[in-house]
């Protein structure tokens, strides 16, 4: 089981999200996907918590919050991005 710690991580307000997808390309780690018409954080360990996606959301549906989450895992991100390419 992955260790959880208190850290900054993105939060998506599904009520505000209209599924436009503008946040997706700004996430270099591939942590966001459109699922069922809404942006979703697919895995805590993929989110570095820097919030590069914040400025891209025209609905202001994305914020950064401090909460208990899996630690950011750069190796897991690289594997995830590699799998997406193939």
PDB file of N, CA and C in Angstrom:
ATOM      1  N   UNK A   1       0.842  -1.188   0.000  1.00  0.00           N
ATOM      2  CA  UNK A   1       0.000   0.000   0.000  1.00  0.00           C
ATOM      3  C   UNK A   1       0.885   1.250   0.000  1.00  0.00           C
ATOM      4  N   UNK A   2       0.485   2.218  -0.801  1.00  0.00           N
ATOM      5  CA  UNK A   2       1.263   3.443  -0.926  1.00  0.00           C
ATOM      6  C   UNK A   2       1.145   4.290   0.341  1.00  0.00           C
ATOM      7  N   UNK A   3       2.255   4.913   0.687  1.00  0.00           N
ATOM      8  CA  UNK A   3       2.274   5.799   1.848  1.00  0.00           C
ATOM      9  C   UNK A   3       1.610   7.121   1.479  1.00  0.00           C
ATOM     10  N   UNK A   4       0.802   7.622   2.397  1.00  0.00           N
ATOM     11  CA  UNK A   4       0.151   8.915   2.173  1.00  0.00           C
ATOM     12  C   UNK A   4       0.774   9.945   3.090  1.00  0.00           C
ATOM     13  N   UNK A   5       0.827  11.176   2.596  1.00  0.00           N
ATOM     14  CA  UNK A   5       1.348  12.271   3.378  1.00  0.00           C
ATOM     15  C   UNK A   5       0.560  13.526   3.048  1.00  0.00           C
ATOM     16  N   UNK A   6       0.652  14.507   3.901  1.00  0.00           N
ATOM     17  CA  UNK A   6      -0.023  15.777   3.689  1.00  0.00           C
ATOM     18  C   UNK A   6       0.779  16.585   2.676  1.00  0.00           C
ATOM     19  N   UNK A   7       0.143  16.927   1.553  1.00  0.00           N
ATOM     20  CA  UNK A   7       0.840  17.689   0.515  1.00  0.00           C
ATOM     21  C   UNK A   7      -0.160  18.440  -0.341  1.00  0.00           C
ATOM     22  N   UNK A   8       0.354  19.333  -1.180  1.00  0.00           N
ATOM     23  CA  UNK A   8      -0.490  20.073  -2.104  1.00  0.00           C
ATOM     24  C   UNK A   8      -0.760  19.225  -3.340  1.00  0.00           C
ATOM     25  N   UNK A   9      -2.020  19.262  -3.785  1.00  0.00           N
ATOM     26  CA  UNK A   9      -2.462  18.460  -4.917  1.00  0.00           C
ATOM     27  C   UNK A   9      -3.675  19.148  -5.546  1.00  0.00           C
ATOM     28  N   UNK A  10      -3.886  18.949  -6.841  1.00  0.00           N
ATOM     29  CA  UNK A  10      -5.018  19.611  -7.487  1.00  0.00           C
ATOM     30  C   UNK A  10      -6.340  18.971  -7.078  1.00  0.00           C
ATOM     31  N   UNK A  11      -7.361  19.815  -7.081  1.00  0.00           N
ATOM     32  CA  UNK A  11      -8.730  19.375  -6.805  1.00  0.00           C
ATOM     33  C   UNK A  11      -9.602  19.939  -7.915  1.00  0.00           C
ATOM     34  N   UNK A  12     -10.473  19.104  -8.460  1.00  0.00           N
ATOM     35  CA  UNK A  12     -11.358  19.535  -9.536  1.00  0.00           C
ATOM     36  C   UNK A  12     -12.793  19.550  -9.022  1.00  0.00           C
ATOM     37  N   UNK A  13     -13.428  20.696  -9.143  1.00  0.00           N
ATOM     38  CA  UNK A  13     -14.832  20.843  -8.749  1.00  0.00           C
ATOM     39  C   UNK A  13     -15.680  20.371  -9.931  1.00  0.00           C
ATOM     40  N   UNK A  14     -16.248  19.185  -9.807  1.00  0.00           N
ATOM     41  CA  UNK A  14     -17.018  18.599 -10.906  1.00  0.00           C
ATOM     42  C   UNK A  14     -18.270  19.399 -11.242  1.00  0.00           C
ATOM     43  N   UNK A  15     -18.781  20.169 -10.297  1.00  0.00           N
ATOM     44  CA  UNK A  15     -19.959  21.004 -10.558  1.00  0.00           C
ATOM     45  C   UNK A  15     -19.605  22.135 -11.529  1.00  0.00           C
ATOM     46  N   UNK A  16     -18.390  22.659 -11.404  1.00  0.00           N
ATOM     47  CA  UNK A  16     -17.953  23.754 -12.266  1.00  0.00           C
ATOM     48  C   UNK A  16     -17.371  23.261 -13.590  1.00  0.00           C
ATOM     49  N   UNK A  17     -16.758  22.081 -13.596  1.00  0.00           N
ATOM     50  CA  UNK A  17     -16.082  21.560 -14.786  1.00  0.00           C
ATOM     51  C   UNK A  17     -17.090  21.286 -15.905  1.00  0.00           C
ATOM     52  N   UNK A  18     -16.794  21.828 -17.096  1.00  0.00           N
ATOM     53  CA  UNK A  18     -17.669  21.582 -18.244  1.00  0.00           C
ATOM     54  C   UNK A  18     -17.049  20.589 -19.232  1.00  0.00           C
ATOM     55  N   UNK A  19     -15.906  20.011 -18.857  1.00  0.00           N
ATOM     56  CA  UNK A  19     -15.286  18.984 -19.689  1.00  0.00           C
ATOM     57  C   UNK A  19     -14.602  19.504 -20.937  1.00  0.00           C
ATOM     58  N   UNK A  20     -14.244  20.782 -20.964  1.00  0.00           N
ATOM     59  CA  UNK A  20     -13.629  21.365 -22.165  1.00  0.00           C
ATOM     60  C   UNK A  20     -12.274  20.746 -22.490  1.00  0.00           C
ATOM     61  N   UNK A  21     -11.559  20.270 -21.470  1.00  0.00           N
ATOM     62  CA  UNK A  21     -10.271  19.609 -21.691  1.00  0.00           C
ATOM     63  C   UNK A  21      -9.078  20.535 -21.831  1.00  0.00           C
ATOM     64  N   UNK A  22      -9.252  21.835 -21.639  1.00  0.00           N
ATOM     65  CA  UNK A  22      -8.127  22.759 -21.787  1.00  0.00           C
ATOM     66  C   UNK A  22      -7.027  22.505 -20.758  1.00  0.00           C
ATOM     67  N   UNK A  23      -7.359  21.905 -19.647  1.00  0.00           N
ATOM     68  CA  UNK A  23      -6.377  21.622 -18.601  1.00  0.00           C
ATOM     69  C   UNK A  23      -5.463  20.444 -18.951  1.00  0.00           C
ATOM     70  N   UNK A  24      -5.939  19.557 -19.798  1.00  0.00           N
ATOM     71  CA  UNK A  24      -5.220  18.308 -20.082  1.00  0.00           C
ATOM     72  C   UNK A  24      -3.822  18.550 -20.651  1.00  0.00           C
ATOM     73  N   UNK A  25      -3.651  19.341 -21.713  1.00  0.00           N
ATOM     74  CA  UNK A  25      -2.299  19.523 -22.268  1.00  0.00           C
ATOM     75  C   UNK A  25      -1.331  20.238 -21.329  1.00  0.00           C
ATOM     76  N   UNK A  26      -1.838  21.031 -20.395  1.00  0.00           N
ATOM     77  CA  UNK A  26      -0.944  21.776 -19.506  1.00  0.00           C
ATOM     78  C   UNK A  26      -0.380  20.917 -18.383  1.00  0.00           C
ATOM     79  N   UNK A  27      -0.901  19.707 -18.221  1.00  0.00           N
ATOM     80  CA  UNK A  27      -0.393  18.792 -17.195  1.00  0.00           C
ATOM     81  C   UNK A  27       0.679  17.903 -17.823  1.00  0.00           C
ATOM     82  N   UNK A  28       1.930  18.277 -17.602  1.00  0.00           N
ATOM     83  CA  UNK A  28       3.059  17.545 -18.203  1.00  0.00           C
ATOM     84  C   UNK A  28       3.154  16.112 -17.695  1.00  0.00           C
ATOM     85  N   UNK A  29       2.557  15.853 -16.536  1.00  0.00           N
ATOM     86  CA  UNK A  29       2.632  14.513 -15.935  1.00  0.00           C
ATOM     87  C   UNK A  29       1.515  13.587 -16.399  1.00  0.00           C
ATOM     88  N   UNK A  30       0.546  14.120 -17.134  1.00  0.00           N
ATOM     89  CA  UNK A  30      -0.566  13.286 -17.604  1.00  0.00           C
ATOM     90  C   UNK A  30      -1.499  12.860 -16.490  1.00  0.00           C
ATOM     91  N   UNK A  31      -1.582  13.654 -15.430  1.00  0.00           N
ATOM     92  CA  UNK A  31      -2.393  13.296 -14.262  1.00  0.00           C
ATOM     93  C   UNK A  31      -3.881  13.536 -14.468  1.00  0.00           C
ATOM     94  N   UNK A  32      -4.235  14.310 -15.501  1.00  0.00           N
ATOM     95  CA  UNK A  32      -5.634  14.633 -15.736  1.00  0.00           C
ATOM     96  C   UNK A  32      -6.144  13.970 -17.004  1.00  0.00           C
ATOM     97  N   UNK A  33      -7.403  13.529 -16.959  1.00  0.00           N
ATOM     98  CA  UNK A  33      -8.081  12.969 -18.121  1.00  0.00           C
ATOM     99  C   UNK A  33      -9.541  13.387 -18.070  1.00  0.00           C
ATOM    100  N   UNK A  34     -10.169  13.421 -19.237  1.00  0.00           N
ATOM    101  CA  UNK A  34     -11.610  13.637 -19.285  1.00  0.00           C
ATOM    102  C   UNK A  34     -12.259  12.258 -19.181  1.00  0.00           C
ATOM    103  N   UNK A  35     -13.053  12.087 -18.133  1.00  0.00           N
ATOM    104  CA  UNK A  35     -13.760  10.828 -17.892  1.00  0.00           C
ATOM    105  C   UNK A  35     -15.221  11.174 -17.633  1.00  0.00           C
ATOM    106  N   UNK A  36     -16.113  10.557 -18.403  1.00  0.00           N
ATOM    107  CA  UNK A  36     -17.549  10.834 -18.282  1.00  0.00           C
ATOM    108  C   UNK A  36     -17.856  12.324 -18.395  1.00  0.00           C
ATOM    109  N   UNK A  37     -17.139  13.015 -19.294  1.00  0.00           N
ATOM    110  CA  UNK A  37     -17.406  14.410 -19.576  1.00  0.00           C
ATOM    111  C   UNK A  37     -16.859  15.407 -18.573  1.00  0.00           C
ATOM    112  N   UNK A  38     -16.009  14.952 -17.643  1.00  0.00           N
ATOM    113  CA  UNK A  38     -15.428  15.839 -16.626  1.00  0.00           C
ATOM    114  C   UNK A  38     -13.935  15.565 -16.508  1.00  0.00           C
ATOM    115  N   UNK A  39     -13.166  16.607 -16.184  1.00  0.00           N
ATOM    116  CA  UNK A  39     -11.745  16.418 -15.913  1.00  0.00           C
ATOM    117  C   UNK A  39     -11.604  15.703 -14.573  1.00  0.00           C
ATOM    118  N   UNK A  40     -10.710  14.733 -14.537  1.00  0.00           N
ATOM    119  CA  UNK A  40     -10.471  13.971 -13.308  1.00  0.00           C
ATOM    120  C   UNK A  40      -8.978  13.806 -13.086  1.00  0.00           C
ATOM    121  N   UNK A  41      -8.593  13.825 -11.825  1.00  0.00           N
ATOM    122  CA  UNK A  41      -7.228  13.486 -11.438  1.00  0.00           C
ATOM    123  C   UNK A  41      -7.198  11.970 -11.372  1.00  0.00           C
ATOM    124  N   UNK A  42      -6.436  11.335 -12.276  1.00  0.00           N
ATOM    125  CA  UNK A  42      -6.516   9.880 -12.367  1.00  0.00           C
ATOM    126  C   UNK A  42      -5.718   9.154 -11.292  1.00  0.00           C
ATOM    127  N   UNK A  43      -4.644   9.767 -10.803  1.00  0.00           N
ATOM    128  CA  UNK A  43      -3.866   9.161  -9.713  1.00  0.00           C
ATOM    129  C   UNK A  43      -3.140  10.256  -8.963  1.00  0.00           C
ATOM    130  N   UNK A  44      -3.262  10.236  -7.645  1.00  0.00           N
ATOM    131  CA  UNK A  44      -2.570  11.234  -6.825  1.00  0.00           C
ATOM    132  C   UNK A  44      -1.073  11.251  -7.096  1.00  0.00           C
ATOM    133  N   UNK A  45      -0.469  10.077  -7.274  1.00  0.00           N
ATOM    134  CA  UNK A  45       0.986  10.013  -7.425  1.00  0.00           C
ATOM    135  C   UNK A  45       1.468  10.633  -8.738  1.00  0.00           C
ATOM    136  N   UNK A  46       0.574  10.907  -9.683  1.00  0.00           N
ATOM    137  CA  UNK A  46       0.960  11.563 -10.927  1.00  0.00           C
ATOM    138  C   UNK A  46       0.958  13.086 -10.804  1.00  0.00           C
ATOM    139  N   UNK A  47       0.307  13.624  -9.802  1.00  0.00           N
ATOM    140  CA  UNK A  47       0.168  15.080  -9.655  1.00  0.00           C
ATOM    141  C   UNK A  47       1.305  15.645  -8.807  1.00  0.00           C
ATOM    142  N   UNK A  48       2.068  16.583  -9.386  1.00  0.00           N
ATOM    143  CA  UNK A  48       3.172  17.189  -8.643  1.00  0.00           C
ATOM    144  C   UNK A  48       2.702  18.323  -7.737  1.00  0.00           C
ATOM    145  N   UNK A  49       1.437  18.732  -7.884  1.00  0.00           N
ATOM    146  CA  UNK A  49       0.865  19.755  -7.014  1.00  0.00           C
ATOM    147  C   UNK A  49       1.251  21.181  -7.363  1.00  0.00           C
ATOM    148  N   UNK A  50       1.967  21.378  -8.475  1.00  0.00           N
ATOM    149  CA  UNK A  50       2.401  22.726  -8.849  1.00  0.00           C
ATOM    150  C   UNK A  50       1.271  23.555  -9.454  1.00  0.00           C
ATOM    151  N   UNK A  51       0.262  22.907 -10.004  1.00  0.00           N
ATOM    152  CA  UNK A  51      -0.906  23.620 -10.509  1.00  0.00           C
ATOM    153  C   UNK A  51      -0.745  24.264 -11.869  1.00  0.00           C
ATOM    154  N   UNK A  52       0.052  23.683 -12.759  1.00  0.00           N
ATOM    155  CA  UNK A  52       0.201  24.235 -14.108  1.00  0.00           C
ATOM    156  C   UNK A  52      -1.139  24.277 -14.843  1.00  0.00           C
ATOM    157  N   UNK A  53      -2.074  23.446 -14.434  1.00  0.00           N
ATOM    158  CA  UNK A  53      -3.386  23.367 -15.069  1.00  0.00           C
ATOM    159  C   UNK A  53      -4.337  24.475 -14.615  1.00  0.00           C
ATOM    160  N   UNK A  54      -4.027  25.146 -13.517  1.00  0.00           N
ATOM    161  CA  UNK A  54      -4.937  26.142 -12.937  1.00  0.00           C
ATOM    162  C   UNK A  54      -5.339  27.244 -13.906  1.00  0.00           C
ATOM    163  N   UNK A  55      -4.384  27.847 -14.555  1.00  0.00           N
ATOM    164  CA  UNK A  55      -4.643  28.971 -15.433  1.00  0.00           C
ATOM    165  C   UNK A  55      -5.346  28.605 -16.723  1.00  0.00           C
ATOM    166  N   UNK A  56      -5.457  27.333 -17.007  1.00  0.00           N
ATOM    167  CA  UNK A  56      -6.067  26.882 -18.256  1.00  0.00           C
ATOM    168  C   UNK A  56      -7.574  26.697 -18.150  1.00  0.00           C
ATOM    169  N   UNK A  57      -8.123  26.636 -16.960  1.00  0.00           N
ATOM    170  CA  UNK A  57      -9.534  26.318 -16.766  1.00  0.00           C
ATOM    171  C   UNK A  57     -10.404  27.579 -16.826  1.00  0.00           C
ATOM    172  N   UNK A  58     -11.228  27.708 -17.879  1.00  0.00           N
ATOM    173  CA  UNK A  58     -12.083  28.888 -17.988  1.00  0.00           C
ATOM    174  C   UNK A  58     -13.234  28.891 -16.975  1.00  0.00           C
ATOM    175  N   UNK A  59     -13.473  27.761 -16.334  1.00  0.00           N
ATOM    176  CA  UNK A  59     -14.561  27.647 -15.362  1.00  0.00           C
ATOM    177  C   UNK A  59     -14.081  27.813 -13.922  1.00  0.00           C
ATOM    178  N   UNK A  60     -12.782  28.005 -13.719  1.00  0.00           N
ATOM    179  CA  UNK A  60     -12.190  28.065 -12.373  1.00  0.00           C
ATOM    180  C   UNK A  60     -12.561  26.845 -11.538  1.00  0.00           C
ATOM    181  N   UNK A  61     -12.550  25.691 -12.199  1.00  0.00           N
ATOM    182  CA  UNK A  61     -12.929  24.446 -11.529  1.00  0.00           C
ATOM    183  C   UNK A  61     -11.752  23.748 -10.856  1.00  0.00           C
ATOM    184  N   UNK A  62     -10.536  24.239 -11.098  1.00  0.00           N
ATOM    185  CA  UNK A  62      -9.347  23.581 -10.552  1.00  0.00           C
ATOM    186  C   UNK A  62      -8.692  24.472  -9.509  1.00  0.00           C
ATOM    187  N   UNK A  63      -8.418  23.880  -8.366  1.00  0.00           N
ATOM    188  CA  UNK A  63      -7.705  24.568  -7.300  1.00  0.00           C
ATOM    189  C   UNK A  63      -6.612  23.621  -6.793  1.00  0.00           C
ATOM    190  N   UNK A  64      -5.725  24.163  -5.992  1.00  0.00           N
ATOM    191  CA  UNK A  64      -4.726  23.334  -5.323  1.00  0.00           C
ATOM    192  C   UNK A  64      -5.108  23.335  -3.848  1.00  0.00           C
ATOM    193  N   UNK A  65      -5.183  22.142  -3.288  1.00  0.00           N
ATOM    194  CA  UNK A  65      -5.521  22.019  -1.874  1.00  0.00           C
ATOM    195  C   UNK A  65      -4.450  21.205  -1.170  1.00  0.00           C
ATOM    196  N   UNK A  66      -4.397  21.358   0.132  1.00  0.00           N
ATOM    197  CA  UNK A  66      -3.492  20.535   0.923  1.00  0.00           C
ATOM    198  C   UNK A  66      -4.336  19.432   1.541  1.00  0.00           C
ATOM    199  N   UNK A  67      -3.965  18.199   1.234  1.00  0.00           N
ATOM    200  CA  UNK A  67      -4.686  17.046   1.779  1.00  0.00           C
ATOM    201  C   UNK A  67      -3.767  15.833   1.817  1.00  0.00           C
ATOM    202  N   UNK A  68      -4.232  14.802   2.468  1.00  0.00           N
ATOM    203  CA  UNK A  68      -3.479  13.562   2.514  1.00  0.00           C
ATOM    204  C   UNK A  68      -3.586  12.885   1.155  1.00  0.00           C
ATOM    205  N   UNK A  69      -2.444  12.562   0.566  1.00  0.00           N
ATOM    206  CA  UNK A  69      -2.410  11.953  -0.759  1.00  0.00           C
ATOM    207  C   UNK A  69      -1.136  11.133  -0.902  1.00  0.00           C
ATOM    208  N   UNK A  70      -1.154  10.241  -1.903  1.00  0.00           N
ATOM    209  CA  UNK A  70       0.058   9.491  -2.207  1.00  0.00           C
ATOM    210  C   UNK A  70       1.148  10.479  -2.603  1.00  0.00           C
ATOM    211  N   UNK A  71       2.372  10.141  -2.287  1.00  0.00           N
ATOM    212  CA  UNK A  71       3.518  10.971  -2.644  1.00  0.00           C
ATOM    213  C   UNK A  71       3.669  11.026  -4.167  1.00  0.00           C
ATOM    214  N   UNK A  72       4.067  12.194  -4.693  1.00  0.00           N
ATOM    215  CA  UNK A  72       4.352  12.322  -6.121  1.00  0.00           C
ATOM    216  C   UNK A  72       5.445  11.326  -6.477  1.00  0.00           C
ATOM    217  N   UNK A  73       5.271  10.607  -7.589  1.00  0.00           N
ATOM    218  CA  UNK A  73       6.200   9.555  -7.971  1.00  0.00           C
ATOM    219  C   UNK A  73       6.636   9.781  -9.423  1.00  0.00           C
ATOM    220  N   UNK A  74       7.801  10.385  -9.586  1.00  0.00           N
ATOM    221  CA  UNK A  74       8.292  10.722 -10.922  1.00  0.00           C
ATOM    222  C   UNK A  74       8.486   9.480 -11.797  1.00  0.00           C
ATOM    223  N   UNK A  75       8.923   8.390 -11.205  1.00  0.00           N
ATOM    224  CA  UNK A  75       9.111   7.149 -11.966  1.00  0.00           C
ATOM    225  C   UNK A  75       7.769   6.621 -12.482  1.00  0.00           C
ATOM    226  N   UNK A  76       6.739   6.670 -11.652  1.00  0.00           N
ATOM    227  CA  UNK A  76       5.402   6.228 -12.068  1.00  0.00           C
ATOM    228  C   UNK A  76       4.874   7.124 -13.183  1.00  0.00           C
ATOM    229  N   UNK A  77       5.166   8.426 -13.108  1.00  0.00           N
ATOM    230  CA  UNK A  77       4.745   9.363 -14.149  1.00  0.00           C
ATOM    231  C   UNK A  77       5.404   8.995 -15.473  1.00  0.00           C
ATOM    232  N   UNK A  78       6.700   8.720 -15.445  1.00  0.00           N
ATOM    233  CA  UNK A  78       7.414   8.357 -16.670  1.00  0.00           C
ATOM    234  C   UNK A  78       6.840   7.090 -17.283  1.00  0.00           C
ATOM    235  N   UNK A  79       6.536   6.107 -16.457  1.00  0.00           N
ATOM    236  CA  UNK A  79       5.936   4.856 -16.962  1.00  0.00           C
ATOM    237  C   UNK A  79       4.553   5.134 -17.547  1.00  0.00           C
ATOM    238  N   UNK A  80       3.769   5.972 -16.868  1.00  0.00           N
ATOM    239  CA  UNK A  80       2.431   6.334 -17.335  1.00  0.00           C
ATOM    240  C   UNK A  80       2.502   7.047 -18.694  1.00  0.00           C
ATOM    241  N   UNK A  81       3.390   8.011 -18.825  1.00  0.00           N
ATOM    242  CA  UNK A  81       3.530   8.755 -20.072  1.00  0.00           C
ATOM    243  C   UNK A  81       4.016   7.859 -21.203  1.00  0.00           C
ATOM    244  N   UNK A  82       4.914   6.971 -20.898  1.00  0.00           N
ATOM    245  CA  UNK A  82       5.425   6.030 -21.895  1.00  0.00           C
ATOM    246  C   UNK A  82       4.292   5.118 -22.375  1.00  0.00           C
ATOM    247  N   UNK A  83       3.469   4.637 -21.449  1.00  0.00           N
ATOM    248  CA  UNK A  83       2.338   3.769 -21.812  1.00  0.00           C
ATOM    249  C   UNK A  83       1.314   4.522 -22.668  1.00  0.00           C
ATOM    250  N   UNK A  84       1.110   5.812 -22.381  1.00  0.00           N
ATOM    251  CA  UNK A  84       0.168   6.622 -23.171  1.00  0.00           C
ATOM    252  C   UNK A  84       0.630   6.784 -24.607  1.00  0.00           C
ATOM    253  N   UNK A  85       1.945   6.848 -24.795  1.00  0.00           N
ATOM    254  CA  UNK A  85       2.504   7.033 -26.140  1.00  0.00           C
ATOM    255  C   UNK A  85       2.320   5.791 -26.996  1.00  0.00           C
ATOM    256  N   UNK A  86       2.199   4.637 -26.377  1.00  0.00           N
ATOM    257  CA  UNK A  86       2.137   3.369 -27.134  1.00  0.00           C
ATOM    258  C   UNK A  86       0.802   2.753 -27.106  1.00  0.00           C
TER     259      UNK A  86
END
